[in-house]
Structure formats: C-alpha cells, structure tokens
C-alpha atoms as a PDB file:
ATOM      1  CA  MET A   1     213.861  56.166 231.287  1.00  0.00           C
ATOM      2  CA  ILE A   2     212.075  55.713 234.272  1.00  0.00           C
ATOM      3  CA  ASP A   3     208.402  57.540 234.528  1.00  0.00           C
ATOM      4  CA  ILE A   4     206.282  56.852 237.483  1.00  0.00           C
ATOM      5  CA  SER A   5     203.120  58.409 238.275  1.00  0.00           C
ATOM      6  CA  VAL A   6     201.028  56.681 241.440  1.00  0.00           C
ATOM      7  CA  TYR A   7     198.457  57.585 243.918  1.00  0.00           C
ATOM      8  CA  LYS A   8     197.970  55.456 246.817  1.00  0.00           C
ATOM      9  CA  ASN A   9     196.165  56.210 249.722  1.00  0.00           C
ATOM     10  CA  TRP A  10     196.533  53.657 253.141  1.00  0.00           C
ATOM     11  CA  GLY A  11     193.627  56.335 254.661  1.00  0.00           C
ATOM     12  CA  SER A  12     196.577  57.842 257.265  1.00  0.00           C
ATOM     13  CA  PHE A  13     199.442  58.649 254.649  1.00  0.00           C
ATOM     14  CA  THR A  14     198.350  59.964 250.398  1.00  0.00           C
ATOM     15  CA  LEU A  15     201.318  58.178 247.960  1.00  0.00           C
ATOM     16  CA  ASP A  16     200.775  61.639 244.823  1.00  0.00           C
ATOM     17  CA  VAL A  17     203.775  61.445 243.057  1.00  0.00           C
ATOM     18  CA  ALA A  18     205.102  61.882 239.169  1.00  0.00           C
ATOM     19  CA  LEU A  19     208.564  61.086 238.295  1.00  0.00           C
ATOM     20  CA  HIS A  20     210.184  61.093 235.415  1.00  0.00           C
ATOM     21  CA  HIS A  21     214.486  60.708 234.626  1.00  0.00           C
ATOM     22  CA  GLN A  22     215.305  59.991 231.315  1.00  0.00           C
ATOM     23  CA  GLY A  23     218.898  58.291 232.540  1.00  0.00           C
ATOM     24  CA  GLY A  24     221.380  57.669 235.500  1.00  0.00           C
ATOM     25  CA  ILE A  25     221.237  57.315 239.265  1.00  0.00           C
ATOM     26  CA  LEU A  26     217.922  59.555 240.292  1.00  0.00           C
ATOM     27  CA  GLY A  27     217.785  60.175 243.869  1.00  0.00           C
ATOM     28  CA  ILE A  28     214.511  60.482 246.125  1.00  0.00           C
ATOM     29  CA  LEU A  29     215.464  62.496 249.267  1.00  0.00           C
ATOM     30  CA  GLY A  30     213.118  63.085 251.760  1.00  0.00           C
ATOM     31  CA  ALA A  31     212.566  63.252 255.586  1.00  0.00           C
ATOM     32  CA  SER A  32     211.993  59.956 257.579  1.00  0.00           C
ATOM     33  CA  GLY A  33     208.047  59.063 256.646  1.00  0.00           C
ATOM     34  CA  CYS A  34     207.548  61.394 253.429  1.00  0.00           C
ATOM     35  CA  GLY A  35     206.986  58.111 251.207  1.00  0.00           C
ATOM     36  CA  LYS A  36     210.631  58.239 249.844  1.00  0.00           C
ATOM     37  CA  SER A  37     210.368  53.948 250.554  1.00  0.00           C
ATOM     38  CA  LYS A  38     207.237  53.533 249.945  1.00  0.00           C
ATOM     39  CA  THR A  39     207.626  54.762 246.525  1.00  0.00           C
ATOM     40  CA  LEU A  40     210.048  52.241 245.514  1.00  0.00           C
ATOM     41  CA  GLN A  41     207.760  49.306 246.852  1.00  0.00           C
ATOM     42  CA  CYS A  42     205.566  50.202 243.922  1.00  0.00           C
ATOM     43  CA  VAL A  43     208.337  50.311 241.170  1.00  0.00           C
ATOM     44  CA  ALA A  44     208.756  46.768 242.343  1.00  0.00           C
ATOM     45  CA  GLY A  45     205.532  46.066 242.827  1.00  0.00           C
ATOM     46  CA  ILE A  46     205.571  45.181 246.374  1.00  0.00           C
ATOM     47  CA  GLU A  47     202.934  47.831 247.038  1.00  0.00           C
ATOM     48  CA  THR A  48     200.349  47.951 244.424  1.00  0.00           C
ATOM     49  CA  PRO A  49     199.414  51.875 243.566  1.00  0.00           C
ATOM     50  CA  ASP A  50     195.308  52.655 243.649  1.00  0.00           C
ATOM     51  CA  ASP A  51     195.720  54.661 240.020  1.00  0.00           C
ATOM     52  CA  GLY A  52     198.566  55.639 238.351  1.00  0.00           C
ATOM     53  CA  HIS A  53     201.323  53.833 235.779  1.00  0.00           C
ATOM     54  CA  ILE A  54     205.454  52.914 236.151  1.00  0.00           C
ATOM     55  CA  SER A  55     207.428  52.672 233.668  1.00  0.00           C
ATOM     56  CA  VAL A  56     210.882  51.181 233.310  1.00  0.00           C
ATOM     57  CA  GLY A  57     213.283  51.772 230.016  1.00  0.00           C
ATOM     58  CA  GLY A  58     210.215  51.243 227.962  1.00  0.00           C
ATOM     59  CA  LYS A  59     208.957  48.273 229.567  1.00  0.00           C
ATOM     60  CA  ILE A  60     205.365  49.074 231.978  1.00  0.00           C
ATOM     61  CA  PHE A  61     205.269  48.034 234.903  1.00  0.00           C
ATOM     62  CA  PHE A  62     201.826  48.975 235.999  1.00  0.00           C
ATOM     63  CA  ASP A  63     199.062  50.945 234.349  1.00  0.00           C
ATOM     64  CA  ARG A  64     196.333  50.768 236.423  1.00  0.00           C
ATOM     65  CA  LYS A  65     193.702  51.821 233.186  1.00  0.00           C
ATOM     66  CA  ARG A  66     195.253  49.363 230.627  1.00  0.00           C
ATOM     67  CA  GLY A  67     194.548  46.818 233.485  1.00  0.00           C
ATOM     68  CA  VAL A  68     198.803  46.234 233.634  1.00  0.00           C
ATOM     69  CA  ASP A  69     199.983  44.874 236.727  1.00  0.00           C
ATOM     70  CA  VAL A  70     203.438  42.861 236.323  1.00  0.00           C
ATOM     71  CA  PRO A  71     204.022  40.133 238.750  1.00  0.00           C
ATOM     72  CA  VAL A  72     207.072  41.348 241.356  1.00  0.00           C
ATOM     73  CA  ALA A  73     208.938  37.817 240.081  1.00  0.00           C
ATOM     74  CA  ARG A  74     209.143  38.988 236.410  1.00  0.00           C
ATOM     75  CA  ARG A  75     209.210  42.821 236.541  1.00  0.00           C
ATOM     76  CA  ARG A  76     213.213  42.688 237.141  1.00  0.00           C
ATOM     77  CA  VAL A  77     213.660  44.991 239.902  1.00  0.00           C
ATOM     78  CA  GLY A  78     217.143  44.715 241.914  1.00  0.00           C
ATOM     79  CA  TYR A  79     216.417  45.757 245.410  1.00  0.00           C
ATOM     80  CA  LEU A  80     218.348  46.502 247.864  1.00  0.00           C
ATOM     81  CA  PHE A  81     216.761  47.133 251.372  1.00  0.00           C
ATOM     82  CA  GLN A  82     218.412  48.843 254.174  1.00  0.00           C
ATOM     83  CA  HIS A  83     219.963  45.626 256.163  1.00  0.00           C
ATOM     84  CA  TYR A  84     220.688  43.865 253.234  1.00  0.00           C
ATOM     85  CA  ALA A  85     218.480  41.309 253.832  1.00  0.00           C
ATOM     86  CA  LEU A  86     221.659  38.434 253.500  1.00  0.00           C
ATOM     87  CA  PHE A  87     220.458  35.067 254.721  1.00  0.00           C
ATOM     88  CA  PRO A  88     222.691  34.621 257.819  1.00  0.00           C
ATOM     89  CA  ASN A  89     222.894  30.930 257.366  1.00  0.00           C
ATOM     90  CA  MET A  90     224.366  30.771 254.474  1.00  0.00           C
ATOM     91  CA  THR A  91     228.109  31.866 252.839  1.00  0.00           C
ATOM     92  CA  VAL A  92     228.757  34.536 251.141  1.00  0.00           C
ATOM     93  CA  GLU A  93     228.768  32.075 247.623  1.00  0.00           C
ATOM     94  CA  GLU A  94     225.413  30.407 248.518  1.00  0.00           C
ATOM     95  CA  ASN A  95     224.154  33.843 249.433  1.00  0.00           C
ATOM     96  CA  ILE A  96     224.967  35.111 245.726  1.00  0.00           C
ATOM     97  CA  ARG A  97     224.098  32.030 244.110  1.00  0.00           C
ATOM     98  CA  CYS A  98     220.529  32.717 245.190  1.00  0.00           C
ATOM     99  CA  GLY A  99     220.109  35.427 242.564  1.00  0.00           C
ATOM    100  CA  VAL A 100     221.576  33.560 239.708  1.00  0.00           C
ATOM    101  CA  ARG A 101     218.307  33.044 237.269  1.00  0.00           C
ATOM    102  CA  SER A 102     220.486  29.806 235.770  1.00  0.00           C
ATOM    103  CA  SER A 103     219.611  26.377 236.639  1.00  0.00           C
ATOM    104  CA  THR A 104     222.138  24.889 235.510  1.00  0.00           C
ATOM    105  CA  ARG A 105     225.115  24.120 238.197  1.00  0.00           C
ATOM    106  CA  ASP A 106     228.423  24.845 235.602  1.00  0.00           C
ATOM    107  CA  PRO A 107     227.075  28.501 233.894  1.00  0.00           C
ATOM    108  CA  ALA A 108     225.921  29.599 238.261  1.00  0.00           C
ATOM    109  CA  ARG A 109     229.053  28.685 239.278  1.00  0.00           C
ATOM    110  CA  LYS A 110     231.097  30.880 236.450  1.00  0.00           C
ATOM    111  CA  GLN A 111     228.303  33.765 236.631  1.00  0.00           C
ATOM    112  CA  VAL A 112     228.478  33.193 240.982  1.00  0.00           C
ATOM    113  CA  THR A 113     232.574  33.416 240.554  1.00  0.00           C
ATOM    114  CA  SER A 114     233.060  36.354 238.080  1.00  0.00           C
ATOM    115  CA  MET A 115     230.682  38.137 240.209  1.00  0.00           C
ATOM    116  CA  MET A 116     232.826  38.014 242.937  1.00  0.00           C
ATOM    117  CA  GLU A 117     235.450  39.850 241.014  1.00  0.00           C
ATOM    118  CA  ARG A 118     233.585  42.113 240.275  1.00  0.00           C
ATOM    119  CA  MET A 119     232.304  43.106 243.342  1.00  0.00           C
ATOM    120  CA  ARG A 120     235.710  41.719 245.233  1.00  0.00           C
ATOM    121  CA  LEU A 121     234.174  39.638 246.946  1.00  0.00           C
ATOM    122  CA  THR A 122     237.365  36.425 246.219  1.00  0.00           C
ATOM    123  CA  GLY A 123     238.311  34.994 249.130  1.00  0.00           C
ATOM    124  CA  LEU A 124     234.891  35.571 251.146  1.00  0.00           C
ATOM    125  CA  GLU A 125     233.508  32.680 249.448  1.00  0.00           C
ATOM    126  CA  THR A 126     232.810  30.586 253.142  1.00  0.00           C
ATOM    127  CA  LEU A 127     232.360  33.504 255.373  1.00  0.00           C
ATOM    128  CA  LYS A 128     229.007  33.935 256.738  1.00  0.00           C
ATOM    129  CA  PRO A 129     227.247  38.017 256.943  1.00  0.00           C
ATOM    130  CA  ALA A 130     228.211  38.401 260.505  1.00  0.00           C
ATOM    131  CA  GLU A 131     232.228  37.598 259.811  1.00  0.00           C
ATOM    132  CA  LEU A 132     232.038  40.106 257.042  1.00  0.00           C
ATOM    133  CA  SER A 133     232.634  44.321 257.388  1.00  0.00           C
ATOM    134  CA  GLY A 134     229.163  46.301 256.606  1.00  0.00           C
ATOM    135  CA  GLY A 135     230.891  47.116 253.437  1.00  0.00           C
ATOM    136  CA  GLN A 136     231.644  43.424 252.199  1.00  0.00           C
ATOM    137  CA  GLN A 137     227.339  43.077 253.234  1.00  0.00           C
ATOM    138  CA  GLN A 138     226.682  45.758 251.316  1.00  0.00           C
ATOM    139  CA  ARG A 139     229.304  44.281 247.832  1.00  0.00           C
ATOM    140  CA  VAL A 140     227.595  41.046 248.820  1.00  0.00           C
ATOM    141  CA  ALA A 141     224.068  42.067 248.935  1.00  0.00           C
ATOM    142  CA  LEU A 142     224.061  43.870 245.081  1.00  0.00           C
ATOM    143  CA  ALA A 143     226.444  41.421 244.218  1.00  0.00           C
ATOM    144  CA  ARG A 144     223.446  38.402 244.682  1.00  0.00           C
ATOM    145  CA  ILE A 145     221.565  41.289 242.591  1.00  0.00           C
ATOM    146  CA  LEU A 146     223.788  42.286 240.186  1.00  0.00           C
ATOM    147  CA  VAL A 147     224.216  38.743 238.883  1.00  0.00           C
ATOM    148  CA  ASN A 148     220.608  37.963 238.393  1.00  0.00           C
ATOM    149  CA  GLU A 149     221.092  40.896 235.405  1.00  0.00           C
ATOM    150  CA  PRO A 150     218.233  43.321 236.355  1.00  0.00           C
ATOM    151  CA  ASP A 151     216.107  46.349 234.520  1.00  0.00           C
ATOM    152  CA  ILE A 152     216.344  48.499 237.364  1.00  0.00           C
ATOM    153  CA  LEU A 153     218.313  49.396 240.927  1.00  0.00           C
ATOM    154  CA  LEU A 154     216.175  50.361 243.388  1.00  0.00           C
ATOM    155  CA  LEU A 155     218.973  51.670 246.720  1.00  0.00           C
ATOM    156  CA  ASP A 156     217.050  51.883 249.880  1.00  0.00           C
ATOM    157  CA  GLU A 157     218.892  53.991 252.684  1.00  0.00           C
ATOM    158  CA  PRO A 158     221.953  52.098 251.610  1.00  0.00           C
ATOM    159  CA  PHE A 159     224.424  53.551 253.973  1.00  0.00           C
ATOM    160  CA  SER A 160     221.853  53.498 257.361  1.00  0.00           C
ATOM    161  CA  ALA A 161     222.890  50.254 258.409  1.00  0.00           C
ATOM    162  CA  LEU A 162     227.481  51.095 258.014  1.00  0.00           C
ATOM    163  CA  ASP A 163     228.840  53.482 261.531  1.00  0.00           C
ATOM    164  CA  SER A 164     230.037  56.837 260.346  1.00  0.00           C
ATOM    165  CA  TYR A 165     233.475  56.288 259.776  1.00  0.00           C
ATOM    166  CA  LEU A 166     232.789  53.674 257.409  1.00  0.00           C
ATOM    167  CA  LYS A 167     230.626  55.668 255.118  1.00  0.00           C
ATOM    168  CA  GLU A 168     232.684  58.002 253.034  1.00  0.00           C
ATOM    169  CA  LYS A 169     234.315  55.171 251.602  1.00  0.00           C
ATOM    170  CA  VAL A 170     231.798  52.189 250.679  1.00  0.00           C
ATOM    171  CA  ILE A 171     229.948  55.924 248.975  1.00  0.00           C
ATOM    172  CA  ALA A 172     233.325  56.072 247.273  1.00  0.00           C
ATOM    173  CA  GLU A 173     233.234  51.612 246.324  1.00  0.00           C
ATOM    174  CA  LEU A 174     229.187  51.969 245.362  1.00  0.00           C
ATOM    175  CA  LYS A 175     230.126  55.186 243.516  1.00  0.00           C
ATOM    176  CA  ALA A 176     232.733  53.407 241.511  1.00  0.00           C
ATOM    177  CA  LEU A 177     230.170  50.602 241.283  1.00  0.00           C
ATOM    178  CA  LEU A 178     227.109  52.122 239.801  1.00  0.00           C
ATOM    179  CA  ALA A 179     229.493  53.783 237.250  1.00  0.00           C
ATOM    180  CA  GLU A 180     228.979  50.373 235.563  1.00  0.00           C
ATOM    181  CA  PHE A 181     226.068  49.817 236.020  1.00  0.00           C
ATOM    182  CA  PRO A 182     224.320  50.723 232.479  1.00  0.00           C
ATOM    183  CA  LYS A 183     220.536  51.273 233.380  1.00  0.00           C
ATOM    184  CA  ASP A 184     218.420  53.113 235.706  1.00  0.00           C
ATOM    185  CA  VAL A 185     219.005  53.298 239.542  1.00  0.00           C
ATOM    186  CA  ILE A 186     216.993  54.531 241.886  1.00  0.00           C
ATOM    187  CA  LEU A 187     218.515  55.507 245.341  1.00  0.00           C
ATOM    188  CA  VAL A 188     216.606  56.414 248.570  1.00  0.00           C
ATOM    189  CA  THR A 189     217.838  58.835 250.897  1.00  0.00           C
ATOM    190  CA  HIS A 190     217.683  60.907 253.175  1.00  0.00           C
ATOM    191  CA  SER A 191     221.116  62.197 253.692  1.00  0.00           C
ATOM    192  CA  ARG A 192     222.206  65.336 251.227  1.00  0.00           C
ATOM    193  CA  ASP A 193     225.541  64.352 251.269  1.00  0.00           C
ATOM    194  CA  GLU A 194     224.693  60.908 249.522  1.00  0.00           C
ATOM    195  CA  ALA A 195     222.463  62.575 247.169  1.00  0.00           C
ATOM    196  CA  TYR A 196     224.997  65.117 246.513  1.00  0.00           C
ATOM    197  CA  GLN A 197     227.627  62.700 245.284  1.00  0.00           C
ATOM    198  CA  LEU A 198     226.018  59.808 244.184  1.00  0.00           C
ATOM    199  CA  CYS A 199     222.575  61.079 241.757  1.00  0.00           C
ATOM    200  CA  HIS A 200     222.490  62.756 238.382  1.00  0.00           C
ATOM    201  CA  SER A 201     219.059  64.165 239.554  1.00  0.00           C
ATOM    202  CA  ILE A 202     216.977  64.481 243.083  1.00  0.00           C
ATOM    203  CA  ALA A 203     213.547  65.105 243.276  1.00  0.00           C
ATOM    204  CA  VAL A 204     212.448  65.430 246.631  1.00  0.00           C
ATOM    205  CA  LEU A 205     209.313  64.492 248.262  1.00  0.00           C
ATOM    206  CA  ASP A 206     207.839  66.247 251.251  1.00  0.00           C
ATOM    207  CA  ASP A 207     204.457  64.468 252.647  1.00  0.00           C
ATOM    208  CA  GLY A 208     204.127  62.037 249.827  1.00  0.00           C
ATOM    209  CA  ARG A 209     204.208  64.124 247.422  1.00  0.00           C
ATOM    210  CA  VAL A 210     207.586  65.788 244.761  1.00  0.00           C
ATOM    211  CA  SER A 211     208.665  69.006 245.986  1.00  0.00           C
ATOM    212  CA  ALA A 212     211.105  69.775 243.604  1.00  0.00           C
ATOM    213  CA  VAL A 213     213.237  68.271 241.532  1.00  0.00           C
ATOM    214  CA  GLY A 214     215.927  68.590 239.462  1.00  0.00           C
ATOM    215  CA  PRO A 215     219.994  67.818 237.708  1.00  0.00           C
ATOM    216  CA  THR A 216     221.331  67.697 241.486  1.00  0.00           C
ATOM    217  CA  LYS A 217     223.647  71.138 241.289  1.00  0.00           C
ATOM    218  CA  GLU A 218     221.011  72.704 239.992  1.00  0.00           C
ATOM    219  CA  LEU A 219     218.598  71.817 242.717  1.00  0.00           C
ATOM    220  CA  PHE A 220     221.110  72.707 245.752  1.00  0.00           C
ATOM    221  CA  ALA A 221     221.683  76.273 243.536  1.00  0.00           C
ATOM    222  CA  ASN A 222     217.967  75.898 243.510  1.00  0.00           C
ATOM    223  CA  PRO A 223     215.970  74.496 246.212  1.00  0.00           C
ATOM    224  CA  GLN A 224     212.793  76.191 244.888  1.00  0.00           C
ATOM    225  CA  SER A 225     210.792  74.927 248.523  1.00  0.00           C
ATOM    226  CA  ARG A 226     210.788  75.067 251.722  1.00  0.00           C
ATOM    227  CA  ALA A 227     211.237  71.422 252.122  1.00  0.00           C
ATOM    228  CA  ALA A 228     213.776  71.245 249.976  1.00  0.00           C
ATOM    229  CA  ALA A 229     215.652  73.704 251.237  1.00  0.00           C
ATOM    230  CA  VAL A 230     215.972  72.098 254.613  1.00  0.00           C
ATOM    231  CA  LEU A 231     217.140  69.335 252.593  1.00  0.00           C
ATOM    232  CA  THR A 232     219.536  70.660 251.326  1.00  0.00           C
ATOM    233  CA  GLY A 233     221.297  71.582 254.395  1.00  0.00           C
ATOM    234  CA  CYS A 234     220.222  74.896 254.785  1.00  0.00           C
ATOM    235  CA  LYS A 235     220.246  77.055 257.684  1.00  0.00           C
ATOM    236  CA  ASN A 236     217.889  80.181 257.647  1.00  0.00           C
ATOM    237  CA  ILE A 237     214.721  79.738 256.296  1.00  0.00           C
ATOM    238  CA  VAL A 238     212.234  82.286 256.563  1.00  0.00           C
ATOM    239  CA  SER A 239     209.073  84.230 255.229  1.00  0.00           C
ATOM    240  CA  ALA A 240     209.392  86.811 253.009  1.00  0.00           C
ATOM    241  CA  ARG A 241     207.624  88.830 249.967  1.00  0.00           C
ATOM    242  CA  LYS A 242     208.286  90.440 247.425  1.00  0.00           C
ATOM    243  CA  SER A 243     208.854  94.480 247.910  1.00  0.00           C
ATOM    244  CA  GLY A 244     210.269  95.124 244.409  1.00  0.00           C
ATOM    245  CA  PRO A 245     211.279  93.429 240.973  1.00  0.00           C
ATOM    246  CA  GLU A 246     214.877  92.229 242.208  1.00  0.00           C
ATOM    247  CA  SER A 247     213.760  92.765 245.705  1.00  0.00           C
ATOM    248  CA  VAL A 248     212.492  90.717 249.255  1.00  0.00           C
ATOM    249  CA  PHE A 249     210.918  91.881 252.592  1.00  0.00           C
ATOM    250  CA  ILE A 250     211.651  90.094 255.181  1.00  0.00           C
ATOM    251  CA  PRO A 251     209.224  90.468 258.286  1.00  0.00           C
ATOM    252  CA  ALA A 252     210.982  88.599 260.789  1.00  0.00           C
ATOM    253  CA  TRP A 253     214.017  90.424 260.452  1.00  0.00           C
ATOM    254  CA  GLN A 254     213.078  93.655 259.379  1.00  0.00           C
ATOM    255  CA  VAL A 255     215.223  93.995 256.357  1.00  0.00           C
ATOM    256  CA  THR A 256     214.717  94.235 252.864  1.00  0.00           C
ATOM    257  CA  LEU A 257     217.407  92.719 250.553  1.00  0.00           C
ATOM    258  CA  HIS A 258     217.972  92.539 246.518  1.00  0.00           C
ATOM    259  CA  THR A 259     218.628  89.735 244.561  1.00  0.00           C
ATOM    260  CA  GLY A 260     221.116  91.279 242.299  1.00  0.00           C
ATOM    261  CA  GLY A 261     219.276  91.491 239.562  1.00  0.00           C
ATOM    262  CA  ARG A 262     217.131  87.994 239.782  1.00  0.00           C
ATOM    263  CA  PRO A 263     213.145  88.969 239.160  1.00  0.00           C
ATOM    264  CA  VAL A 264     211.201  87.836 242.071  1.00  0.00           C
ATOM    265  CA  GLY A 265     208.111  85.921 241.514  1.00  0.00           C
ATOM    266  CA  ASP A 266     204.336  87.717 243.101  1.00  0.00           C
ATOM    267  CA  ASP A 267     203.738  83.896 244.898  1.00  0.00           C
ATOM    268  CA  LEU A 268     207.442  84.201 246.406  1.00  0.00           C
ATOM    269  CA  CYS A 269     207.068  83.051 250.283  1.00  0.00           C
ATOM    270  CA  ALA A 270     210.440  82.626 251.847  1.00  0.00           C
ATOM    271  CA  VAL A 271     213.723  83.020 251.027  1.00  0.00           C
ATOM    272  CA  GLY A 272     216.851  80.420 252.281  1.00  0.00           C
ATOM    273  CA  ILE A 273     220.203  81.752 253.324  1.00  0.00           C
ATOM    274  CA  ARG A 274     223.269  79.271 253.802  1.00  0.00           C
ATOM    275  CA  ALA A 275     225.123  80.440 256.540  1.00  0.00           C
ATOM    276  CA  HIS A 276     228.343  79.892 254.394  1.00  0.00           C
ATOM    277  CA  ALA A 277     227.398  82.645 251.965  1.00  0.00           C
ATOM    278  CA  PHE A 278     227.689  86.038 254.533  1.00  0.00           C
ATOM    279  CA  HIS A 279     231.509  87.641 254.377  1.00  0.00           C
ATOM    280  CA  GLY A 280     232.017  90.720 256.099  1.00  0.00           C
ATOM    281  CA  GLY A 281     232.966  94.125 254.142  1.00  0.00           C
ATOM    282  CA  GLU A 282     230.757  96.384 251.884  1.00  0.00           C
ATOM    283  CA  GLY A 283     228.193  95.244 249.606  1.00  0.00           C
ATOM    284  CA  VAL A 284     224.619  95.829 248.257  1.00  0.00           C
ATOM    285  CA  ASN A 285     223.246  93.508 251.012  1.00  0.00           C
ATOM    286  CA  SER A 286     225.245  95.085 253.734  1.00  0.00           C
ATOM    287  CA  LEU A 287     223.618  95.522 257.476  1.00  0.00           C
ATOM    288  CA  PRO A 288     224.180  95.583 261.054  1.00  0.00           C
ATOM    289  CA  ILE A 289     224.578  92.528 263.161  1.00  0.00           C
ATOM    290  CA  VAL A 290     224.249  91.701 267.180  1.00  0.00           C
ATOM    291  CA  ILE A 291     226.447  88.904 267.201  1.00  0.00           C
ATOM    292  CA  THR A 292     225.064  86.568 270.081  1.00  0.00           C
ATOM    293  CA  GLU A 293     226.701  83.138 270.627  1.00  0.00           C
ATOM    294  CA  GLU A 294     230.398  81.448 268.905  1.00  0.00           C
ATOM    295  CA  ILE A 295     229.867  77.913 268.549  1.00  0.00           C
ATOM    296  CA  GLU A 296     233.749  76.351 267.771  1.00  0.00           C
ATOM    297  CA  GLN A 297     234.096  73.034 265.809  1.00  0.00           C
ATOM    298  CA  PRO A 298     236.892  71.008 264.951  1.00  0.00           C
ATOM    299  CA  PHE A 299     236.822  72.569 261.638  1.00  0.00           C
ATOM    300  CA  GLU A 300     235.100  75.735 261.397  1.00  0.00           C
ATOM    301  CA  TRP A 301     233.447  77.835 263.807  1.00  0.00           C
ATOM    302  CA  ILE A 302     229.510  79.134 263.764  1.00  0.00           C
ATOM    303  CA  VAL A 303     228.389  82.729 264.671  1.00  0.00           C
ATOM    304  CA  LYS A 304     225.111  82.741 265.848  1.00  0.00           C
ATOM    305  CA  PHE A 305     223.952  86.291 265.234  1.00  0.00           C
ATOM    306  CA  ARG A 306     220.404  88.794 264.600  1.00  0.00           C
ATOM    307  CA  TYR A 307     219.587  92.262 263.034  1.00  0.00           C
ATOM    308  CA  PRO A 308     219.064  94.947 265.491  1.00  0.00           C
ATOM    309  CA  ARG A 309     214.925  94.859 264.622  1.00  0.00           C
ATOM    310  CA  GLN A 310     214.935  90.737 264.112  1.00  0.00           C
ATOM    311  CA  SER A 311     211.682  90.026 265.713  1.00  0.00           C
ATOM    312  CA  LEU A 312     212.599  88.348 269.532  1.00  0.00           C
ATOM    313  CA  ALA A 313     210.475  85.384 268.423  1.00  0.00           C
ATOM    314  CA  THR A 314     212.878  84.469 266.212  1.00  0.00           C
ATOM    315  CA  PRO A 315     215.728  81.909 266.042  1.00  0.00           C
ATOM    316  CA  ASP A 316     219.207  83.928 265.262  1.00  0.00           C
ATOM    317  CA  ILE A 317     220.811  83.510 261.783  1.00  0.00           C
ATOM    318  CA  TRP A 318     223.359  80.823 261.335  1.00  0.00           C
ATOM    319  CA  TRP A 319     226.777  82.165 259.612  1.00  0.00           C
ATOM    320  CA  ARG A 320     229.854  79.437 259.216  1.00  0.00           C
ATOM    321  CA  PHE A 321     233.165  80.074 258.155  1.00  0.00           C
ATOM    322  CA  ALA A 322     236.470  78.085 258.014  1.00  0.00           C
ATOM    323  CA  LYS A 323     238.714  78.227 261.277  1.00  0.00           C
ATOM    324  CA  PRO A 324     241.382  79.929 259.079  1.00  0.00           C
ATOM    325  CA  ASP A 325     239.268  82.648 257.503  1.00  0.00           C
ATOM    326  CA  ARG A 326     238.369  83.498 260.884  1.00  0.00           C
ATOM    327  CA  PRO A 327     239.240  87.478 261.409  1.00  0.00           C
ATOM    328  CA  ASP A 328     240.837  89.090 264.240  1.00  0.00           C
ATOM    329  CA  THR A 329     237.536  90.528 265.456  1.00  0.00           C
ATOM    330  CA  LEU A 330     234.552  89.975 264.530  1.00  0.00           C
ATOM    331  CA  PRO A 331     232.701  92.053 262.027  1.00  0.00           C
ATOM    332  CA  ASP A 332     229.785  94.148 263.132  1.00  0.00           C
ATOM    333  CA  ARG A 333     227.997  94.207 259.657  1.00  0.00           C
ATOM    334  CA  LEU A 334     227.805  91.265 256.942  1.00  0.00           C
ATOM    335  CA  THR A 335     226.996  91.462 253.298  1.00  0.00           C
ATOM    336  CA  LEU A 336     224.987  88.842 251.264  1.00  0.00           C
ATOM    337  CA  GLY A 337     225.584  88.251 247.284  1.00  0.00           C
ATOM    338  CA  GLY A 338     222.267  88.590 245.668  1.00  0.00           C
ATOM    339  CA  ASP A 339     223.008  84.872 244.191  1.00  0.00           C
ATOM    340  CA  ASP A 340     223.068  83.608 247.712  1.00  0.00           C
ATOM    341  CA  ILE A 341     219.348  84.223 248.206  1.00  0.00           C
ATOM    342  CA  LEU A 342     217.647  81.560 247.410  1.00  0.00           C
ATOM    343  CA  LEU A 343     213.844  82.448 246.391  1.00  0.00           C
ATOM    344  CA  LEU A 344     211.574  79.923 247.404  1.00  0.00           C
ATOM    345  CA  TYR A 345     208.153  79.698 246.356  1.00  0.00           C
ATOM    346  CA  ARG A 346     206.509  76.774 248.566  1.00  0.00           C
END
C-alpha cells in the first residue's frame, strides 16, 4: 500500500500531490515538467517535501508533523533511473554485486548467480554495459535493484533510453518480471501505451497536481479532466456546456450532442471524442459533415472534417479507422454514440 501526500515549493514550480494506492503497479502519467520524477524523488528521499506524509507498506518514510524523515539508505527503495546508471567500468556481475546487502562472499555470490538466472543474464557475466543491448542493460539494472530486496520499486521513464523497435519486446519482458515482484511499484511515464500495458491504476499529473486517478481501463474510458483526456490520446477536445439533463452544447462546433442516458453535471467544461468513435449511418447524433483532408497511414486512414456551422478559428475534427473499413465513398454524415462522449469537468 502506498500513501503519498506531499507539498514542495521550488519557487518556479510547486508539487502538491495526494495519492493512495492499495497495491500493484501505480502509473504516474504526465507531460514533461509536470512533477512525475519529483514525486518519485520525494518517495525515495532524494527530495525532502516542505510538508506532508509518505508511507509504503505501512512503513512511514516521511511525516513532517511527527518529525519523521527516514534517510535514503534506510528506505529500502529500488530506483530505476531513465538511463539505468550502470557503472560503465564494471562487468554485469560486478554491477549486480553492488546491490547485494550481504558482505559475506559466498552468500553474495549465490545471490548474484540466482538473480542472473532469474533475469536471464547467465552467460553475460563478464560483459561491460557498452557491450549489452538496451533490454539487457535494463535487466542488469533491475537485477542490481531486486537483489537488494527493496520494499518498493520506482521506475522513472524505464523505456526512454530504448530505440522504438525494442520497446515492445522490453515492455513485455518487464511486465513478466513485475508480475513476480510482490511489493509496490510506481512507474513514471509520459506514454499512454506504456501506462496502459503495465499499470493497474493511473494517476495523471498536470502542473504538479493530480488531475485524475483511477483503475487504468476506467480512466481511459472516463478521463474526467482535459489533461487526462489529452494524455490518454483523445484527439478531439473542445469546450462545452450542459444544455439539458442528458445533452451538451459545443459552441465552437455549433452542435448539440446527446449522451445516451448519461446525466450531465452542471460543472461540465469540455467534452472529448476519440478519433475512432465516429462511424457512418443513422443515429441520435448523426450530423452532416464537410471533409477537409484525408491522410493515409500504414494501417489506418485519418479523415479530417468540420461541421457546417463550425467556427473557422477552430481546428478540424479527427476521424480514424482501419484501412479495411474504408467505404467506397466517404459519408457526408457521421454518427457518434452517446457513450463515446467523454464528459470533462476540469
């Protein structure tokens, strides 16, 4: 269990984060500079909050009111940095040996050997980091952390140092490894794909504050805020207001959309519509469109369009669909299901 409530003011930036996570992998998703890594550094003890409380698995790491601030070395935190921080002049075996707590030679050797087998590093003992692939370097860094038996694992953008063609393989490998780690994990990322594949719950950070939080699939289905909608990949986000118990009016598009029975709150500020949500045919939200651009991608088409009375100052609306789904003639009307309208309240 993770309980984080921290406040820290650096002058030009303020972190004010409250998170409670019952177990599993918690993702912190946000754009660069939003405070993701700073949150991890507070948990690790690298940064000291001005106020707040941090506990992991029932152990208090920091409590300003009670005067508790456990030193970094005693927090038992495994911190995987973006570029892994391996010692370049040491072999794989020597790097992992640095993480062993035992000072006795034979037990330490057994721990390193066991961890290398677990991480599928056997045979690479004598290689230096520069001789390893990106995925192998990550496994060495994780082995060095896990051999120390940490109480929590902090992963700071763990795929940022990898080439794009390696990421899918390494993500799958890390997912399998984390499934065997019985304690808490916090993963920091700016990638919605990484967060969706690896995390049980996600907290969206925006300018130092939690904008939305929830189980991963629920958060993608209902992002709750503009920032969360953007970070979960929604292409069409526009200001809106409540126009009825189950309808919204979008001034920029000059259209009214019906939510299909879902109640609309009085404090609605915007709606989001994912690019894959539109389709041809009749329906409650079937409206005429004017197509402005067609973009062919390797496996999809992107069609950009506007509503007839849409404000000229507003961007085109995105519609995406798989190549096999392209009709012989593109429709002059598109329909939108009420459940596909994301209601955003901040």
